[in-house]
Amino acid sequence: MAIEVRKKGDESGSSLLYNFTRKVKRSGIIKEIRKRKYHTRVISRVKRRSSAIHREEKKADIERQKKLGLIQ
């Protein structure tokens, strides 16, 4: 999906850039790129669950250490 803009006669560089920018915006390329940029993989249910269990155990361990005065 290449965008091509040709210079028309005595068209200035700034107007050529403006036309190119306008074509890119209208084509939807920027929307697609932004959508792909933040796409995350789907993580399996088992992996999410084991990660949550690990977080809870870690949190409980930190609380236990705080109560014992081992950490601030």
Protein backbone atom coordinates (compact mmCIF):
# COMPACT_ATOMS: atom_id res chain seq x y z
CA MET A 1 0.00 0.00 0.00
CA ALA A 2 2.36 2.70 -1.25
CA ILE A 3 1.32 6.34 -1.30
CA GLU A 4 2.59 8.28 -4.27
CA VAL A 5 2.38 12.02 -4.84
CA ARG A 6 3.81 13.63 -7.97
CA LYS A 7 4.89 17.22 -8.28
CA LYS A 8 2.55 19.25 -10.49
CA GLY A 9 4.32 21.86 -12.61
CA ASP A 10 5.72 24.64 -10.43
CA GLU A 11 4.32 23.26 -7.15
CA SER A 12 6.41 24.18 -4.12
CA GLY A 13 7.99 21.61 -1.84
CA SER A 14 5.81 22.59 1.11
CA SER A 15 2.58 22.13 -0.85
CA LEU A 16 3.88 18.78 -2.11
CA LEU A 17 4.52 17.73 1.48
CA TYR A 18 1.05 18.98 2.47
CA ASN A 19 -0.57 16.90 -0.30
CA PHE A 20 1.40 13.83 0.74
CA THR A 21 0.41 14.26 4.40
CA ARG A 22 -3.24 14.67 3.43
CA LYS A 23 -3.17 11.50 1.30
CA VAL A 24 -1.57 9.51 4.12
CA LYS A 25 -4.20 10.69 6.61
CA ARG A 26 -7.06 9.85 4.25
CA SER A 27 -5.69 6.40 3.44
CA GLY A 28 -5.93 5.24 7.06
CA ILE A 29 -2.31 4.10 7.30
CA ILE A 30 -1.69 6.01 10.52
CA LYS A 31 -4.78 4.50 12.18
CA GLU A 32 -3.61 1.02 11.23
CA ILE A 33 -0.08 1.61 12.53
CA ARG A 34 -1.34 2.93 15.86
CA LYS A 35 -3.67 -0.06 16.17
CA ARG A 36 -0.81 -2.51 15.53
CA LYS A 37 1.60 -0.67 17.83
CA TYR A 38 -0.33 -1.50 20.99
CA HIS A 39 -1.54 -4.96 19.98
CA THR A 40 -0.80 -7.57 22.62
CA ARG A 41 -0.76 -11.32 22.24
CA VAL A 42 -3.55 -13.33 23.81
CA ILE A 43 -2.14 -15.08 26.87
CA SER A 44 -3.53 -18.50 27.76
CA ARG A 45 -5.82 -18.82 30.75
CA VAL A 46 -3.43 -21.19 32.54
CA LYS A 47 -0.52 -18.77 32.20
CA ARG A 48 -2.61 -15.81 33.43
CA ARG A 49 -3.81 -17.82 36.41
CA SER A 50 -0.31 -18.98 37.39
CA SER A 51 0.93 -15.40 37.07
CA ALA A 52 -1.87 -14.15 39.33
CA ILE A 53 -1.10 -16.83 41.90
CA HIS A 54 2.57 -15.85 41.83
CA ARG A 55 1.68 -12.17 42.36
CA GLU A 56 -0.53 -13.00 45.33
CA GLU A 57 2.18 -15.17 46.91
CA LYS A 58 4.76 -12.43 46.40
CA LYS A 59 2.45 -9.81 47.94
CA ALA A 60 1.78 -12.06 50.95
CA ASP A 61 5.52 -12.68 51.41
CA ILE A 62 6.26 -8.93 51.37
CA GLU A 63 3.51 -8.28 53.93
CA ARG A 64 4.92 -11.06 56.15
CA GLN A 65 8.42 -9.57 55.94
CA LYS A 66 7.07 -6.11 56.80
CA LYS A 67 5.34 -7.50 59.89
CA LEU A 68 8.57 -9.20 60.98
CA GLY A 69 10.48 -5.95 60.45
CA LEU A 70 12.81 -7.42 57.83
CA ILE A 71 11.94 -4.73 55.28
CA GLN A 72 10.62 -1.19 55.52
